[in-house]
């Protein structure tokens, strides 16, 4: 696959709209929290571009871990499906889904 990991994660949530991805990543030396839902990404700690084509998770970003939760996402009481996935583990899931 030549798509960026950020785009692939957005595609995952388009195929599974009942799920929310909570991504912890390092971007430009700083930790960032990114929520991906129904094909859209938004940073919880940094400004998010108005243009949806600009990736929130750049190719230079390093994924620390990913949690998968049920939507609607309630930050006070998240319903986790899986927690602490590594980049390698999420890539395996994406491959199995053909993303």
N, C-alpha and C. Protein backbone atom coordinates (compact mmCIF):
# COMPACT_ATOMS: atom_id res chain seq x y z
N UNK A 1 0.84 -1.18 0.00
CA UNK A 1 0.00 0.00 0.00
C UNK A 1 0.89 1.24 0.00
N UNK A 2 0.55 2.19 -0.83
CA UNK A 2 1.32 3.41 -0.83
C UNK A 2 0.58 4.57 -0.17
N UNK A 3 -0.59 4.34 0.39
CA UNK A 3 -1.31 5.37 1.12
C UNK A 3 -0.64 5.59 2.46
N UNK A 4 -0.73 6.82 2.94
CA UNK A 4 -0.16 7.11 4.25
C UNK A 4 -0.95 6.38 5.33
N UNK A 5 -0.30 6.16 6.46
CA UNK A 5 -0.96 5.47 7.57
C UNK A 5 -2.17 6.27 8.04
N UNK A 6 -2.06 7.60 8.03
CA UNK A 6 -3.19 8.44 8.45
C UNK A 6 -4.41 8.23 7.56
N UNK A 7 -4.20 8.20 6.25
CA UNK A 7 -5.31 7.97 5.30
C UNK A 7 -5.88 6.57 5.48
N UNK A 8 -5.02 5.60 5.71
CA UNK A 8 -5.49 4.22 5.90
C UNK A 8 -6.33 4.09 7.17
N UNK A 9 -5.94 4.79 8.23
CA UNK A 9 -6.73 4.76 9.45
C UNK A 9 -8.09 5.42 9.24
N UNK A 10 -8.12 6.50 8.45
CA UNK A 10 -9.40 7.13 8.12
C UNK A 10 -10.28 6.17 7.32
N UNK A 11 -9.68 5.44 6.39
CA UNK A 11 -10.44 4.45 5.60
C UNK A 11 -11.00 3.36 6.51
N UNK A 12 -10.22 2.95 7.51
CA UNK A 12 -10.68 1.94 8.47
C UNK A 12 -11.98 2.41 9.13
N UNK A 13 -12.01 3.68 9.56
CA UNK A 13 -13.21 4.16 10.25
C UNK A 13 -14.38 4.39 9.30
N UNK A 14 -14.09 4.53 8.00
CA UNK A 14 -15.19 4.59 7.03
C UNK A 14 -15.82 3.21 6.88
N UNK A 15 -14.99 2.17 6.93
CA UNK A 15 -15.50 0.80 6.83
C UNK A 15 -16.17 0.35 8.12
N UNK A 16 -15.76 0.94 9.24
CA UNK A 16 -16.29 0.57 10.55
C UNK A 16 -16.78 1.82 11.28
N UNK A 17 -17.90 2.39 10.82
CA UNK A 17 -18.37 3.66 11.39
C UNK A 17 -18.82 3.56 12.84
N UNK A 18 -18.95 2.36 13.35
CA UNK A 18 -19.33 2.18 14.75
C UNK A 18 -18.12 2.24 15.68
N UNK A 19 -16.93 2.48 15.10
CA UNK A 19 -15.70 2.51 15.89
C UNK A 19 -15.00 3.86 15.77
N UNK A 20 -14.28 4.21 16.84
CA UNK A 20 -13.48 5.43 16.91
C UNK A 20 -12.05 5.00 17.21
N UNK A 21 -11.09 5.59 16.50
CA UNK A 21 -9.69 5.32 16.77
C UNK A 21 -9.12 6.48 17.59
N UNK A 22 -8.46 6.15 18.67
CA UNK A 22 -7.80 7.14 19.52
C UNK A 22 -6.30 6.89 19.37
N UNK A 23 -5.64 7.78 18.66
CA UNK A 23 -4.24 7.59 18.30
C UNK A 23 -3.37 8.50 19.15
N UNK A 24 -2.38 7.91 19.80
CA UNK A 24 -1.34 8.68 20.47
C UNK A 24 -0.12 8.61 19.57
N UNK A 25 0.37 9.77 19.17
CA UNK A 25 1.49 9.81 18.23
C UNK A 25 2.47 10.90 18.64
N UNK A 26 3.69 10.76 18.12
CA UNK A 26 4.69 11.80 18.29
C UNK A 26 4.82 12.52 16.95
N UNK A 27 4.56 13.82 16.97
CA UNK A 27 4.63 14.64 15.76
C UNK A 27 5.55 15.82 16.05
N UNK A 28 6.59 15.93 15.26
CA UNK A 28 7.58 17.01 15.42
C UNK A 28 8.09 17.08 16.85
N UNK A 29 8.36 15.93 17.44
CA UNK A 29 8.93 15.86 18.78
C UNK A 29 7.95 16.06 19.91
N UNK A 30 6.67 16.24 19.61
CA UNK A 30 5.66 16.44 20.65
C UNK A 30 4.60 15.36 20.58
N UNK A 31 4.11 14.94 21.76
CA UNK A 31 3.04 13.94 21.79
C UNK A 31 1.72 14.59 21.39
N UNK A 32 0.94 13.88 20.61
CA UNK A 32 -0.35 14.37 20.13
C UNK A 32 -1.39 13.28 20.34
N UNK A 33 -2.62 13.71 20.59
CA UNK A 33 -3.77 12.81 20.69
C UNK A 33 -4.67 13.10 19.50
N UNK A 34 -4.95 12.07 18.71
CA UNK A 34 -5.76 12.23 17.50
C UNK A 34 -6.96 11.30 17.58
N UNK A 35 -8.14 11.84 17.25
CA UNK A 35 -9.35 11.04 17.17
C UNK A 35 -9.70 10.88 15.70
N UNK A 36 -9.98 9.64 15.27
CA UNK A 36 -10.37 9.38 13.89
C UNK A 36 -11.73 8.69 13.92
N UNK A 37 -12.70 9.28 13.19
CA UNK A 37 -14.07 8.78 13.22
C UNK A 37 -14.72 9.05 11.88
N UNK A 38 -15.33 8.03 11.30
CA UNK A 38 -16.05 8.12 10.03
C UNK A 38 -15.24 8.82 8.93
N UNK A 39 -13.94 8.49 8.90
CA UNK A 39 -13.09 9.00 7.83
C UNK A 39 -12.47 10.36 8.07
N UNK A 40 -12.67 10.93 9.23
CA UNK A 40 -12.10 12.25 9.53
C UNK A 40 -11.22 12.19 10.76
N UNK A 41 -10.14 12.97 10.74
CA UNK A 41 -9.20 13.03 11.85
C UNK A 41 -9.23 14.41 12.49
N UNK A 42 -9.02 14.44 13.79
CA UNK A 42 -8.94 15.70 14.51
C UNK A 42 -7.96 15.55 15.66
N UNK A 43 -7.09 16.54 15.80
CA UNK A 43 -6.14 16.53 16.91
C UNK A 43 -6.81 17.10 18.15
N UNK A 44 -6.55 16.49 19.28
CA UNK A 44 -7.07 16.99 20.55
C UNK A 44 -6.10 17.95 21.22
N UNK A 45 -4.85 18.00 20.73
CA UNK A 45 -3.84 18.81 21.39
C UNK A 45 -3.18 19.85 20.49
N UNK A 46 -3.38 19.76 19.19
CA UNK A 46 -2.77 20.70 18.24
C UNK A 46 -3.86 21.24 17.32
N UNK A 47 -3.58 22.37 16.66
CA UNK A 47 -4.56 22.88 15.69
C UNK A 47 -4.78 21.87 14.56
N UNK A 48 -6.01 21.75 14.12
CA UNK A 48 -6.36 20.87 12.99
C UNK A 48 -6.69 21.76 11.80
N UNK A 49 -6.10 21.46 10.66
CA UNK A 49 -6.33 22.26 9.44
C UNK A 49 -7.79 22.17 9.02
N UNK A 50 -8.31 23.24 8.45
CA UNK A 50 -9.68 23.25 7.94
C UNK A 50 -9.83 22.34 6.73
N UNK A 51 -8.75 22.18 5.98
CA UNK A 51 -8.74 21.34 4.78
C UNK A 51 -8.61 19.88 5.18
N UNK A 52 -9.64 19.09 4.96
CA UNK A 52 -9.64 17.68 5.36
C UNK A 52 -8.60 16.86 4.59
N UNK A 53 -8.08 17.40 3.49
CA UNK A 53 -7.06 16.69 2.70
C UNK A 53 -5.67 16.78 3.35
N UNK A 54 -5.49 17.71 4.28
CA UNK A 54 -4.21 17.83 4.98
C UNK A 54 -4.23 16.84 6.13
N UNK A 55 -3.32 15.86 6.12
CA UNK A 55 -3.36 14.82 7.15
C UNK A 55 -3.01 15.34 8.54
N UNK A 56 -3.79 14.93 9.52
CA UNK A 56 -3.51 15.28 10.91
C UNK A 56 -2.31 14.46 11.39
N UNK A 57 -2.22 13.22 10.91
CA UNK A 57 -1.08 12.36 11.22
C UNK A 57 -0.18 12.33 9.99
N UNK A 58 0.88 13.15 9.99
CA UNK A 58 1.76 13.19 8.82
C UNK A 58 2.59 11.92 8.71
N UNK A 59 3.14 11.70 7.51
CA UNK A 59 3.98 10.52 7.29
C UNK A 59 5.18 10.50 8.23
N UNK A 60 5.61 11.67 8.69
CA UNK A 60 6.76 11.75 9.60
C UNK A 60 6.36 11.48 11.05
N UNK A 61 5.07 11.40 11.33
CA UNK A 61 4.60 11.12 12.69
C UNK A 61 4.87 9.68 13.08
N UNK A 62 5.11 9.47 14.38
CA UNK A 62 5.38 8.13 14.89
C UNK A 62 4.23 7.73 15.81
N UNK A 63 3.56 6.63 15.45
CA UNK A 63 2.45 6.14 16.29
C UNK A 63 3.02 5.51 17.55
N UNK A 64 2.53 5.96 18.69
CA UNK A 64 2.93 5.38 19.98
C UNK A 64 1.99 4.23 20.31
N UNK A 65 0.68 4.49 20.23
CA UNK A 65 -0.30 3.41 20.38
C UNK A 65 -1.65 3.87 19.87
N UNK A 66 -2.53 2.90 19.66
CA UNK A 66 -3.88 3.16 19.17
C UNK A 66 -4.88 2.37 20.01
N UNK A 67 -5.93 3.06 20.43
CA UNK A 67 -7.05 2.42 21.11
C UNK A 67 -8.24 2.44 20.16
N UNK A 68 -9.02 1.38 20.16
CA UNK A 68 -10.25 1.31 19.38
C UNK A 68 -11.41 1.31 20.37
N UNK A 69 -12.34 2.25 20.18
CA UNK A 69 -13.50 2.36 21.07
C UNK A 69 -14.78 2.37 20.24
N UNK A 70 -15.88 2.05 20.89
CA UNK A 70 -17.19 2.13 20.24
C UNK A 70 -17.64 3.58 20.16
N UNK A 71 -18.36 3.90 19.08
CA UNK A 71 -18.95 5.23 19.00
C UNK A 71 -20.40 5.13 19.47
N UNK A 72 -20.99 6.18 19.97
CA UNK A 72 -20.36 7.48 20.13
C UNK A 72 -19.34 7.45 21.26
N UNK A 73 -18.26 8.20 21.04
CA UNK A 73 -17.16 8.23 22.01
C UNK A 73 -17.51 9.15 23.17
N UNK A 74 -17.43 8.62 24.36
CA UNK A 74 -17.63 9.40 25.58
C UNK A 74 -16.31 9.40 26.34
N UNK A 75 -15.60 10.54 26.36
CA UNK A 75 -14.29 10.56 27.02
C UNK A 75 -14.34 10.24 28.51
N UNK A 76 -15.50 10.45 29.14
CA UNK A 76 -15.63 10.14 30.56
C UNK A 76 -15.84 8.65 30.81
N UNK A 77 -16.38 7.94 29.81
CA UNK A 77 -16.67 6.51 29.95
C UNK A 77 -16.49 5.82 28.61
N UNK A 78 -15.25 5.74 28.12
CA UNK A 78 -15.04 5.11 26.81
C UNK A 78 -15.32 3.61 26.86
N UNK A 79 -15.92 3.11 25.79
CA UNK A 79 -16.18 1.67 25.66
C UNK A 79 -15.12 1.11 24.72
N UNK A 80 -14.02 0.68 25.31
CA UNK A 80 -12.89 0.19 24.50
C UNK A 80 -13.15 -1.20 23.95
N UNK A 81 -12.76 -1.39 22.69
CA UNK A 81 -12.76 -2.70 22.05
C UNK A 81 -11.37 -3.30 22.20
N UNK A 82 -10.35 -2.49 21.90
CA UNK A 82 -8.95 -2.89 22.07
C UNK A 82 -8.17 -1.66 22.51
N UNK A 83 -7.11 -1.90 23.30
CA UNK A 83 -6.29 -0.80 23.77
C UNK A 83 -4.81 -1.11 23.57
N UNK A 84 -4.04 -0.05 23.37
CA UNK A 84 -2.59 -0.18 23.33
C UNK A 84 -2.03 -0.87 22.11
N UNK A 85 -2.74 -0.80 20.97
CA UNK A 85 -2.23 -1.44 19.75
C UNK A 85 -1.00 -0.69 19.25
N UNK A 86 -0.01 -1.44 18.80
CA UNK A 86 1.18 -0.84 18.21
C UNK A 86 0.92 -0.55 16.74
N UNK A 87 1.82 0.18 16.12
CA UNK A 87 1.69 0.46 14.69
C UNK A 87 1.69 -0.85 13.90
N UNK A 88 2.55 -1.78 14.28
CA UNK A 88 2.62 -3.07 13.58
C UNK A 88 1.30 -3.83 13.70
N UNK A 89 0.69 -3.80 14.88
CA UNK A 89 -0.58 -4.51 15.08
C UNK A 89 -1.70 -3.89 14.26
N UNK A 90 -1.77 -2.56 14.21
CA UNK A 90 -2.84 -1.93 13.43
C UNK A 90 -2.60 -2.14 11.94
N UNK A 91 -1.34 -2.18 11.51
CA UNK A 91 -1.05 -2.45 10.10
C UNK A 91 -1.52 -3.85 9.71
N UNK A 92 -1.38 -4.82 10.60
CA UNK A 92 -1.88 -6.18 10.34
C UNK A 92 -3.40 -6.16 10.17
N UNK A 93 -4.09 -5.42 11.03
CA UNK A 93 -5.55 -5.32 10.94
C UNK A 93 -5.94 -4.67 9.61
N UNK A 94 -5.26 -3.60 9.24
CA UNK A 94 -5.56 -2.91 7.98
C UNK A 94 -5.34 -3.83 6.78
N UNK A 95 -4.27 -4.61 6.81
CA UNK A 95 -3.99 -5.56 5.72
C UNK A 95 -5.10 -6.60 5.60
N UNK A 96 -5.55 -7.13 6.75
CA UNK A 96 -6.61 -8.14 6.73
C UNK A 96 -7.91 -7.58 6.15
N UNK A 97 -8.13 -6.28 6.33
CA UNK A 97 -9.34 -5.64 5.81
C UNK A 97 -9.16 -5.12 4.39
N UNK A 98 -7.97 -5.29 3.85
CA UNK A 98 -7.70 -4.82 2.48
C UNK A 98 -7.56 -3.32 2.37
N UNK A 99 -7.11 -2.70 3.44
CA UNK A 99 -6.94 -1.23 3.45
C UNK A 99 -5.45 -0.91 3.34
